[in-house]
Amino acid sequence: MDLSIPASINVLQLTDTHLFGTDEGRLLGVDTYQSLADVIDLALLERGRPDFVLLTGDLTQDETADSYARLRKLVGRLGVKTFYLPGNHDVPELMAEILPGNGSMICRESQFEAGNWQVIMLNSHRPGRVEGLLAAPELERLERLLGQRSELNALVCLHHNPVSAGSDWQDRIALENSGEFLAVLSRFKQVRAVLWGHVHQAFDDALNGMMLMATPSTCVQFKPNEEKFGVDEIPPGYRWLELQSDGQIVTAVSRLPALPNGLQIAAKGY
């Protein structure tokens, strides 16, 4: 046994934070900054400090530099490396400016290794569109990275759901070229899981032995299995994962004990 490889790596996923650049900003009545702060506090209480954090998109709601600066301040409380990717609400240029990495705790590395795991962060952002797309260079990068480190277990992350979320309206804004994406993954047996956000709800399934997982938003949740948009009466949360050295993943979603203050249950859109 290689003693340099940890038995497990503890990961915290936070997604769809939808932060504003000011204290007054609200999404469907919710103070998204306070909600994220509460979720982080819960994660630290329940799980302790993780080995690293994954932020899987829609980090801003108002597309301002100040919203990213506020995110940097909050996530900095965790005191560990944090890796991010863009969602449809994000502005990649601002992310690179405000969350640049360069030795800081928040990193824009699109691939990194931890123990005997490779984590690949993909960009499904499509300027001016809600639905996602993995452009040809991004799919080529994915295939190259998996081919170069085939001896490592792989966790692949993106924002948009690559499989049906079970709701008609959500599936219309999913990953457009999911077939191409899943075809690439099928050629690499070391891919253990795919992890995403976007759908504002928990999702756990499997495909050919590969885990498929989505995670609740840190603010507002969407009703599952609906034809049209609806707000779910369920609290915000996070996902924890234990990446084990044998390639297995232990994971679960945890939620705050109550709905966030001000939540507009009857909202018809956001």
C-alpha atoms as a PDB file:
ATOM      1  CA  MET A   1       0.000   0.000   0.000  1.00  0.00           C
ATOM      2  CA  ASP A   2       1.230   3.468  -0.963  1.00  0.00           C
ATOM      3  CA  LEU A   3       1.075   5.442   2.276  1.00  0.00           C
ATOM      4  CA  SER A   4       1.250   8.710   0.315  1.00  0.00           C
ATOM      5  CA  ILE A   5      -2.266   8.095  -1.024  1.00  0.00           C
ATOM      6  CA  PRO A   6      -4.943   9.029   1.535  1.00  0.00           C
ATOM      7  CA  ALA A   7      -7.663   6.485   2.284  1.00  0.00           C
ATOM      8  CA  SER A   8     -10.270   9.085   1.355  1.00  0.00           C
ATOM      9  CA  ILE A   9     -10.476  12.698   0.232  1.00  0.00           C
ATOM     10  CA  ASN A  10     -13.235  14.879   1.671  1.00  0.00           C
ATOM     11  CA  VAL A  11     -14.947  17.205  -0.793  1.00  0.00           C
ATOM     12  CA  LEU A  12     -17.580  19.908  -0.340  1.00  0.00           C
ATOM     13  CA  GLN A  13     -19.734  20.931  -3.312  1.00  0.00           C
ATOM     14  CA  LEU A  14     -21.535  24.279  -3.251  1.00  0.00           C
ATOM     15  CA  THR A  15     -23.564  25.320  -6.269  1.00  0.00           C
ATOM     16  CA  ASP A  16     -25.960  27.903  -7.664  1.00  0.00           C
ATOM     17  CA  THR A  17     -25.219  30.529  -5.025  1.00  0.00           C
ATOM     18  CA  HIS A  18     -26.744  33.351  -7.146  1.00  0.00           C
ATOM     19  CA  LEU A  19     -25.025  36.124  -5.191  1.00  0.00           C
ATOM     20  CA  PHE A  20     -25.636  39.841  -5.619  1.00  0.00           C
ATOM     21  CA  GLY A  21     -23.121  42.638  -5.357  1.00  0.00           C
ATOM     22  CA  THR A  22     -25.033  44.424  -2.584  1.00  0.00           C
ATOM     23  CA  ASP A  23     -26.657  43.518   0.728  1.00  0.00           C
ATOM     24  CA  GLU A  24     -30.074  44.417  -0.698  1.00  0.00           C
ATOM     25  CA  GLY A  25     -30.016  41.802  -3.470  1.00  0.00           C
ATOM     26  CA  ARG A  26     -32.664  39.083  -3.251  1.00  0.00           C
ATOM     27  CA  LEU A  27     -33.532  36.072  -5.426  1.00  0.00           C
ATOM     28  CA  LEU A  28     -37.224  35.203  -5.095  1.00  0.00           C
ATOM     29  CA  GLY A  29     -37.152  36.971  -1.749  1.00  0.00           C
ATOM     30  CA  VAL A  30     -34.056  35.159  -0.460  1.00  0.00           C
ATOM     31  CA  ASP A  31     -30.895  36.832   0.828  1.00  0.00           C
ATOM     32  CA  THR A  32     -28.559  34.554  -1.103  1.00  0.00           C
ATOM     33  CA  TYR A  33     -25.443  35.775   0.701  1.00  0.00           C
ATOM     34  CA  GLN A  34     -26.866  34.913   4.119  1.00  0.00           C
ATOM     35  CA  SER A  35     -28.177  31.601   2.842  1.00  0.00           C
ATOM     36  CA  LEU A  36     -24.735  30.654   1.527  1.00  0.00           C
ATOM     37  CA  ALA A  37     -23.161  31.701   4.817  1.00  0.00           C
ATOM     38  CA  ASP A  38     -25.622  29.478   6.689  1.00  0.00           C
ATOM     39  CA  VAL A  39     -24.906  26.516   4.410  1.00  0.00           C
ATOM     40  CA  ILE A  40     -21.152  26.931   4.877  1.00  0.00           C
ATOM     41  CA  ASP A  41     -21.610  27.069   8.656  1.00  0.00           C
ATOM     42  CA  LEU A  42     -23.701  23.880   8.500  1.00  0.00           C
ATOM     43  CA  ALA A  43     -21.096  22.083   6.397  1.00  0.00           C
ATOM     44  CA  LEU A  44     -18.310  23.007   8.800  1.00  0.00           C
ATOM     45  CA  LEU A  45     -20.402  21.909  11.773  1.00  0.00           C
ATOM     46  CA  GLU A  46     -21.434  18.586  10.262  1.00  0.00           C
ATOM     47  CA  ARG A  47     -18.365  17.607   8.244  1.00  0.00           C
ATOM     48  CA  GLY A  48     -15.477  19.741   9.446  1.00  0.00           C
ATOM     49  CA  ARG A  49     -13.016  21.360   7.082  1.00  0.00           C
ATOM     50  CA  PRO A  50     -12.933  19.596   3.691  1.00  0.00           C
ATOM     51  CA  ASP A  51      -9.818  18.855   1.681  1.00  0.00           C
ATOM     52  CA  PHE A  52     -11.135  21.084  -1.107  1.00  0.00           C
ATOM     53  CA  VAL A  53     -14.332  22.772  -2.339  1.00  0.00           C
ATOM     54  CA  LEU A  54     -16.058  22.611  -5.732  1.00  0.00           C
ATOM     55  CA  LEU A  55     -18.185  25.558  -6.905  1.00  0.00           C
ATOM     56  CA  THR A  56     -20.240  24.343  -9.859  1.00  0.00           C
ATOM     57  CA  GLY A  57     -21.608  27.493 -11.424  1.00  0.00           C
ATOM     58  CA  ASP A  58     -24.288  30.189 -11.289  1.00  0.00           C
ATOM     59  CA  LEU A  59     -22.238  31.869  -8.613  1.00  0.00           C
ATOM     60  CA  THR A  60     -23.641  35.320  -9.434  1.00  0.00           C
ATOM     61  CA  GLN A  61     -27.167  36.528 -10.097  1.00  0.00           C
ATOM     62  CA  ASP A  62     -26.558  40.154 -11.066  1.00  0.00           C
ATOM     63  CA  GLU A  63     -23.355  39.487 -13.055  1.00  0.00           C
ATOM     64  CA  THR A  64     -21.263  42.014 -11.123  1.00  0.00           C
ATOM     65  CA  ALA A  65     -17.656  42.026  -9.980  1.00  0.00           C
ATOM     66  CA  ASP A  66     -18.871  42.803  -6.456  1.00  0.00           C
ATOM     67  CA  SER A  67     -20.903  39.590  -6.328  1.00  0.00           C
ATOM     68  CA  TYR A  68     -17.749  37.575  -7.019  1.00  0.00           C
ATOM     69  CA  ALA A  69     -15.818  39.589  -4.446  1.00  0.00           C
ATOM     70  CA  ARG A  70     -18.470  38.730  -1.856  1.00  0.00           C
ATOM     71  CA  LEU A  71     -18.238  35.073  -2.849  1.00  0.00           C
ATOM     72  CA  ARG A  72     -14.474  35.173  -2.406  1.00  0.00           C
ATOM     73  CA  LYS A  73     -14.921  36.615   1.084  1.00  0.00           C
ATOM     74  CA  LEU A  74     -17.435  33.967   2.171  1.00  0.00           C
ATOM     75  CA  VAL A  75     -15.678  30.938   0.722  1.00  0.00           C
ATOM     76  CA  GLY A  76     -12.401  32.177   2.168  1.00  0.00           C
ATOM     77  CA  ARG A  77     -13.777  31.288   5.590  1.00  0.00           C
ATOM     78  CA  LEU A  78     -13.337  27.612   4.689  1.00  0.00           C
ATOM     79  CA  GLY A  79      -9.581  28.069   4.469  1.00  0.00           C
ATOM     80  CA  VAL A  80      -9.043  25.397   1.787  1.00  0.00           C
ATOM     81  CA  LYS A  81      -8.481  25.319  -1.949  1.00  0.00           C
ATOM     82  CA  THR A  82     -11.665  26.074  -3.860  1.00  0.00           C
ATOM     83  CA  PHE A  83     -12.131  25.292  -7.542  1.00  0.00           C
ATOM     84  CA  TYR A  84     -14.848  26.837  -9.701  1.00  0.00           C
ATOM     85  CA  LEU A  85     -16.467  26.597 -13.120  1.00  0.00           C
ATOM     86  CA  PRO A  86     -19.015  28.889 -14.827  1.00  0.00           C
ATOM     87  CA  GLY A  87     -22.762  28.434 -15.165  1.00  0.00           C
ATOM     88  CA  ASN A  88     -25.201  30.198 -17.481  1.00  0.00           C
ATOM     89  CA  HIS A  89     -25.599  33.127 -15.051  1.00  0.00           C
ATOM     90  CA  ASP A  90     -21.854  33.663 -14.745  1.00  0.00           C
ATOM     91  CA  VAL A  91     -19.488  36.016 -16.557  1.00  0.00           C
ATOM     92  CA  PRO A  92     -16.267  34.063 -17.220  1.00  0.00           C
ATOM     93  CA  GLU A  93     -14.234  37.221 -17.833  1.00  0.00           C
ATOM     94  CA  LEU A  94     -15.228  38.685 -14.471  1.00  0.00           C
ATOM     95  CA  MET A  95     -14.607  35.360 -12.763  1.00  0.00           C
ATOM     96  CA  ALA A  96     -11.067  35.304 -14.110  1.00  0.00           C
ATOM     97  CA  GLU A  97     -10.539  38.878 -12.935  1.00  0.00           C
ATOM     98  CA  ILE A  98     -11.973  38.565  -9.408  1.00  0.00           C
ATOM     99  CA  LEU A  99     -11.276  34.870  -8.739  1.00  0.00           C
ATOM    100  CA  PRO A 100      -7.935  34.554 -10.520  1.00  0.00           C
ATOM    101  CA  GLY A 101      -6.156  31.922  -8.482  1.00  0.00           C
ATOM    102  CA  ASN A 102      -2.487  32.881  -8.675  1.00  0.00           C
ATOM    103  CA  GLY A 103      -1.698  31.154  -5.404  1.00  0.00           C
ATOM    104  CA  SER A 104      -4.899  32.238  -3.660  1.00  0.00           C
ATOM    105  CA  MET A 105      -7.383  29.852  -2.113  1.00  0.00           C
ATOM    106  CA  ILE A 106      -9.883  30.213  -4.989  1.00  0.00           C
ATOM    107  CA  CYS A 107      -8.484  28.623  -8.121  1.00  0.00           C
ATOM    108  CA  ARG A 108      -9.510  28.524 -11.761  1.00  0.00           C
ATOM    109  CA  GLU A 109      -7.550  25.391 -12.550  1.00  0.00           C
ATOM    110  CA  SER A 110      -9.670  23.333 -14.932  1.00  0.00           C
ATOM    111  CA  GLN A 111      -7.966  20.090 -13.902  1.00  0.00           C
ATOM    112  CA  PHE A 112      -6.187  18.995 -10.756  1.00  0.00           C
ATOM    113  CA  GLU A 113      -5.147  15.844  -8.938  1.00  0.00           C
ATOM    114  CA  ALA A 114      -5.747  14.770  -5.351  1.00  0.00           C
ATOM    115  CA  GLY A 115      -4.422  11.445  -4.125  1.00  0.00           C
ATOM    116  CA  ASN A 116      -5.174   8.960  -6.875  1.00  0.00           C
ATOM    117  CA  TRP A 117      -8.041  11.058  -8.240  1.00  0.00           C
ATOM    118  CA  GLN A 118      -8.186  13.397 -11.202  1.00  0.00           C
ATOM    119  CA  VAL A 119     -10.845  16.130 -11.031  1.00  0.00           C
ATOM    120  CA  ILE A 120     -11.822  17.748 -14.331  1.00  0.00           C
ATOM    121  CA  MET A 121     -13.784  21.019 -14.326  1.00  0.00           C
ATOM    122  CA  LEU A 122     -15.628  21.662 -17.600  1.00  0.00           C
ATOM    123  CA  ASN A 123     -16.997  24.882 -19.072  1.00  0.00           C
ATOM    124  CA  SER A 124     -20.559  24.439 -20.394  1.00  0.00           C
ATOM    125  CA  HIS A 125     -21.251  28.203 -20.364  1.00  0.00           C
ATOM    126  CA  ARG A 126     -22.757  29.553 -23.573  1.00  0.00           C
ATOM    127  CA  PRO A 127     -22.717  33.367 -23.893  1.00  0.00           C
ATOM    128  CA  GLY A 128     -26.202  34.803 -23.936  1.00  0.00           C
ATOM    129  CA  ARG A 129     -27.913  31.416 -23.579  1.00  0.00           C
ATOM    130  CA  VAL A 130     -29.424  29.501 -20.676  1.00  0.00           C
ATOM    131  CA  GLU A 131     -28.823  26.016 -22.044  1.00  0.00           C
ATOM    132  CA  GLY A 132     -25.309  24.586 -21.949  1.00  0.00           C
ATOM    133  CA  LEU A 133     -22.855  23.341 -24.524  1.00  0.00           C
ATOM    134  CA  LEU A 134     -19.448  21.683 -24.341  1.00  0.00           C
ATOM    135  CA  ALA A 135     -17.667  23.145 -27.356  1.00  0.00           C
ATOM    136  CA  ALA A 136     -15.481  20.882 -29.479  1.00  0.00           C
ATOM    137  CA  PRO A 137     -12.211  22.104 -27.873  1.00  0.00           C
ATOM    138  CA  GLU A 138     -13.644  21.395 -24.415  1.00  0.00           C
ATOM    139  CA  LEU A 139     -14.645  17.852 -25.379  1.00  0.00           C
ATOM    140  CA  GLU A 140     -11.195  17.338 -26.903  1.00  0.00           C
ATOM    141  CA  ARG A 141      -9.586  18.588 -23.690  1.00  0.00           C
ATOM    142  CA  LEU A 142     -11.699  16.184 -21.656  1.00  0.00           C
ATOM    143  CA  GLU A 143     -10.674  13.242 -23.821  1.00  0.00           C
ATOM    144  CA  ARG A 144      -7.014  14.246 -23.734  1.00  0.00           C
ATOM    145  CA  LEU A 145      -6.919  14.631 -19.961  1.00  0.00           C
ATOM    146  CA  LEU A 146      -8.621  11.298 -19.373  1.00  0.00           C
ATOM    147  CA  GLY A 147      -6.276   9.598 -21.809  1.00  0.00           C
ATOM    148  CA  GLN A 148      -3.178  11.073 -20.221  1.00  0.00           C
ATOM    149  CA  ARG A 149      -4.016   9.927 -16.683  1.00  0.00           C
ATOM    150  CA  SER A 150      -5.964   6.718 -17.208  1.00  0.00           C
ATOM    151  CA  GLU A 151      -4.449   5.223 -14.038  1.00  0.00           C
ATOM    152  CA  LEU A 152      -6.296   7.770 -11.866  1.00  0.00           C
ATOM    153  CA  ASN A 153      -9.928   7.620 -10.798  1.00  0.00           C
ATOM    154  CA  ALA A 154     -11.789  10.518 -12.402  1.00  0.00           C
ATOM    155  CA  LEU A 155     -14.489  12.896 -11.181  1.00  0.00           C
ATOM    156  CA  VAL A 156     -15.906  15.108 -13.954  1.00  0.00           C
ATOM    157  CA  CYS A 157     -17.743  18.334 -13.047  1.00  0.00           C
ATOM    158  CA  LEU A 158     -19.829  20.786 -15.056  1.00  0.00           C
ATOM    159  CA  HIS A 159     -22.777  23.119 -14.524  1.00  0.00           C
ATOM    160  CA  HIS A 160     -25.518  21.876 -16.859  1.00  0.00           C
ATOM    161  CA  ASN A 161     -27.251  18.547 -16.403  1.00  0.00           C
ATOM    162  CA  PRO A 162     -26.170  15.965 -19.012  1.00  0.00           C
ATOM    163  CA  VAL A 163     -29.199  13.728 -18.351  1.00  0.00           C
ATOM    164  CA  SER A 164     -32.884  14.453 -17.872  1.00  0.00           C
ATOM    165  CA  ALA A 165     -33.795  16.237 -14.652  1.00  0.00           C
ATOM    166  CA  GLY A 166     -37.354  14.925 -14.938  1.00  0.00           C
ATOM    167  CA  SER A 167     -38.908  18.361 -15.564  1.00  0.00           C
ATOM    168  CA  ASP A 168     -39.819  19.475 -19.073  1.00  0.00           C
ATOM    169  CA  TRP A 169     -38.762  23.086 -18.575  1.00  0.00           C
ATOM    170  CA  GLN A 170     -35.411  22.115 -17.076  1.00  0.00           C
ATOM    171  CA  ASP A 171     -34.632  19.594 -19.781  1.00  0.00           C
ATOM    172  CA  ARG A 172     -35.057  22.333 -22.389  1.00  0.00           C
ATOM    173  CA  ILE A 173     -32.146  24.231 -20.792  1.00  0.00           C
ATOM    174  CA  ALA A 174     -29.866  21.261 -20.106  1.00  0.00           C
ATOM    175  CA  LEU A 175     -26.586  20.356 -21.815  1.00  0.00           C
ATOM    176  CA  GLU A 176     -27.366  20.397 -25.539  1.00  0.00           C
ATOM    177  CA  ASN A 177     -24.694  17.943 -26.638  1.00  0.00           C
ATOM    178  CA  SER A 178     -25.007  15.518 -23.759  1.00  0.00           C
ATOM    179  CA  GLY A 179     -24.786  12.549 -26.149  1.00  0.00           C
ATOM    180  CA  GLU A 180     -21.316  13.583 -27.300  1.00  0.00           C
ATOM    181  CA  PHE A 181     -20.226  14.200 -23.718  1.00  0.00           C
ATOM    182  CA  LEU A 182     -21.420  10.833 -22.432  1.00  0.00           C
ATOM    183  CA  ALA A 183     -19.878   9.094 -25.447  1.00  0.00           C
ATOM    184  CA  VAL A 184     -16.457  10.472 -24.490  1.00  0.00           C
ATOM    185  CA  LEU A 185     -16.876   9.332 -20.901  1.00  0.00           C
ATOM    186  CA  SER A 186     -17.923   5.843 -22.003  1.00  0.00           C
ATOM    187  CA  ARG A 187     -14.468   5.289 -23.491  1.00  0.00           C
ATOM    188  CA  PHE A 188     -12.731   5.733 -20.134  1.00  0.00           C
ATOM    189  CA  LYS A 189     -13.519   3.202 -17.441  1.00  0.00           C
ATOM    190  CA  GLN A 190     -11.751   5.248 -14.749  1.00  0.00           C
ATOM    191  CA  VAL A 191     -14.542   7.845 -14.758  1.00  0.00           C
ATOM    192  CA  ARG A 192     -16.330   7.175 -11.469  1.00  0.00           C
ATOM    193  CA  ALA A 193     -18.799  10.050 -11.382  1.00  0.00           C
ATOM    194  CA  VAL A 194     -20.217  13.159 -13.027  1.00  0.00           C
ATOM    195  CA  LEU A 195     -21.243  16.054 -10.782  1.00  0.00           C
ATOM    196  CA  TRP A 196     -23.280  19.157 -11.661  1.00  0.00           C
ATOM    197  CA  GLY A 197     -25.559  21.949 -10.433  1.00  0.00           C
ATOM    198  CA  HIS A 198     -28.086  24.006 -12.465  1.00  0.00           C
ATOM    199  CA  VAL A 199     -31.229  22.051 -11.534  1.00  0.00           C
ATOM    200  CA  HIS A 200     -31.500  23.346  -7.928  1.00  0.00           C
ATOM    201  CA  GLN A 201     -32.379  19.906  -6.580  1.00  0.00           C
ATOM    202  CA  ALA A 202     -30.748  16.674  -5.491  1.00  0.00           C
ATOM    203  CA  PHE A 203     -30.304  13.949  -8.093  1.00  0.00           C
ATOM    204  CA  ASP A 204     -28.567  10.598  -7.710  1.00  0.00           C
ATOM    205  CA  ASP A 205     -28.472   7.942 -10.416  1.00  0.00           C
ATOM    206  CA  ALA A 206     -25.976   5.767 -12.275  1.00  0.00           C
ATOM    207  CA  LEU A 207     -25.086   4.984 -15.880  1.00  0.00           C
ATOM    208  CA  ASN A 208     -22.958   1.977 -16.761  1.00  0.00           C
ATOM    209  CA  GLY A 209     -21.458   1.966 -13.282  1.00  0.00           C
ATOM    210  CA  MET A 210     -20.769   5.742 -13.326  1.00  0.00           C
ATOM    211  CA  MET A 211     -22.438   7.831 -10.625  1.00  0.00           C
ATOM    212  CA  LEU A 212     -24.565  10.789 -11.788  1.00  0.00           C
ATOM    213  CA  MET A 213     -25.160  13.520  -9.206  1.00  0.00           C
ATOM    214  CA  ALA A 214     -26.756  16.943  -8.939  1.00  0.00           C
ATOM    215  CA  THR A 215     -26.811  19.091  -5.831  1.00  0.00           C
ATOM    216  CA  PRO A 216     -29.295  21.545  -4.277  1.00  0.00           C
ATOM    217  CA  SER A 217     -28.711  25.258  -4.550  1.00  0.00           C
ATOM    218  CA  THR A 218     -27.424  27.118  -1.524  1.00  0.00           C
ATOM    219  CA  CYS A 219     -30.495  29.383  -1.833  1.00  0.00           C
ATOM    220  CA  VAL A 220     -33.723  28.560  -3.750  1.00  0.00           C
ATOM    221  CA  GLN A 221     -34.854  25.051  -4.748  1.00  0.00           C
ATOM    222  CA  PHE A 222     -36.876  24.059  -7.829  1.00  0.00           C
ATOM    223  CA  LYS A 223     -39.764  21.596  -7.726  1.00  0.00           C
ATOM    224  CA  PRO A 224     -38.784  18.273  -9.312  1.00  0.00           C
ATOM    225  CA  ASN A 225     -40.791  16.483 -12.015  1.00  0.00           C
ATOM    226  CA  GLU A 226     -42.732  19.556 -13.145  1.00  0.00           C
ATOM    227  CA  GLU A 227     -43.790  20.687 -16.599  1.00  0.00           C
ATOM    228  CA  LYS A 228     -43.349  24.360 -15.659  1.00  0.00           C
ATOM    229  CA  PHE A 229     -41.134  26.273 -13.238  1.00  0.00           C
ATOM    230  CA  GLY A 230     -41.999  25.953  -9.581  1.00  0.00           C
ATOM    231  CA  VAL A 231     -40.343  26.765  -6.238  1.00  0.00           C
ATOM    232  CA  ASP A 232     -39.916  23.799  -3.921  1.00  0.00           C
ATOM    233  CA  GLU A 233     -40.652  24.057  -0.210  1.00  0.00           C
ATOM    234  CA  ILE A 234     -37.401  22.440   0.840  1.00  0.00           C
ATOM    235  CA  PRO A 235     -34.346  24.089   2.430  1.00  0.00           C
ATOM    236  CA  PRO A 236     -31.012  24.926   0.779  1.00  0.00           C
ATOM    237  CA  GLY A 237     -28.100  22.547   1.127  1.00  0.00           C
ATOM    238  CA  TYR A 238     -24.778  21.167  -0.003  1.00  0.00           C
ATOM    239  CA  ARG A 239     -23.267  17.851  -1.043  1.00  0.00           C
ATOM    240  CA  TRP A 240     -20.350  16.123   0.626  1.00  0.00           C
ATOM    241  CA  LEU A 241     -18.289  13.443  -1.049  1.00  0.00           C
ATOM    242  CA  GLU A 242     -15.619  11.049   0.171  1.00  0.00           C
ATOM    243  CA  LEU A 243     -13.400  10.037  -2.733  1.00  0.00           C
ATOM    244  CA  GLN A 244     -11.951   6.734  -1.621  1.00  0.00           C
ATOM    245  CA  SER A 245      -8.628   5.373  -2.793  1.00  0.00           C
ATOM    246  CA  ASP A 246     -10.246   2.280  -4.329  1.00  0.00           C
ATOM    247  CA  GLY A 247     -12.375   4.432  -6.643  1.00  0.00           C
ATOM    248  CA  GLN A 248     -15.574   4.270  -4.613  1.00  0.00           C
ATOM    249  CA  ILE A 249     -17.481   7.408  -3.652  1.00  0.00           C
ATOM    250  CA  VAL A 250     -19.496   7.890  -0.481  1.00  0.00           C
ATOM    251  CA  THR A 251     -21.787  10.907  -0.748  1.00  0.00           C
ATOM    252  CA  ALA A 252     -24.940  12.536   0.563  1.00  0.00           C
ATOM    253  CA  VAL A 253     -26.811  15.838   0.496  1.00  0.00           C
ATOM    254  CA  SER A 254     -27.378  17.818   3.691  1.00  0.00           C
ATOM    255  CA  ARG A 255     -29.793  20.715   4.126  1.00  0.00           C
ATOM    256  CA  LEU A 256     -30.464  23.584   6.486  1.00  0.00           C
ATOM    257  CA  PRO A 257     -33.184  22.878   9.066  1.00  0.00           C
ATOM    258  CA  ALA A 258     -35.596  25.516   7.710  1.00  0.00           C
ATOM    259  CA  LEU A 259     -36.556  27.421   4.588  1.00  0.00           C
ATOM    260  CA  PRO A 260     -34.728  30.723   4.051  1.00  0.00           C
ATOM    261  CA  ASN A 261     -36.527  33.858   5.191  1.00  0.00           C
ATOM    262  CA  GLY A 262     -38.603  35.652   2.578  1.00  0.00           C
ATOM    263  CA  LEU A 263     -38.828  32.781   0.083  1.00  0.00           C
ATOM    264  CA  GLN A 264     -41.530  33.450  -2.523  1.00  0.00           C
ATOM    265  CA  ILE A 265     -43.135  30.038  -2.908  1.00  0.00           C
ATOM    266  CA  ALA A 266     -45.658  31.182  -5.514  1.00  0.00           C
ATOM    267  CA  ALA A 267     -43.062  32.663  -7.907  1.00  0.00           C
ATOM    268  CA  LYS A 268     -43.474  31.721 -11.575  1.00  0.00           C
ATOM    269  CA  GLY A 269     -39.894  32.405 -12.671  1.00  0.00           C
ATOM    270  CA  TYR A 270     -36.555  33.802 -11.528  1.00  0.00           C
END
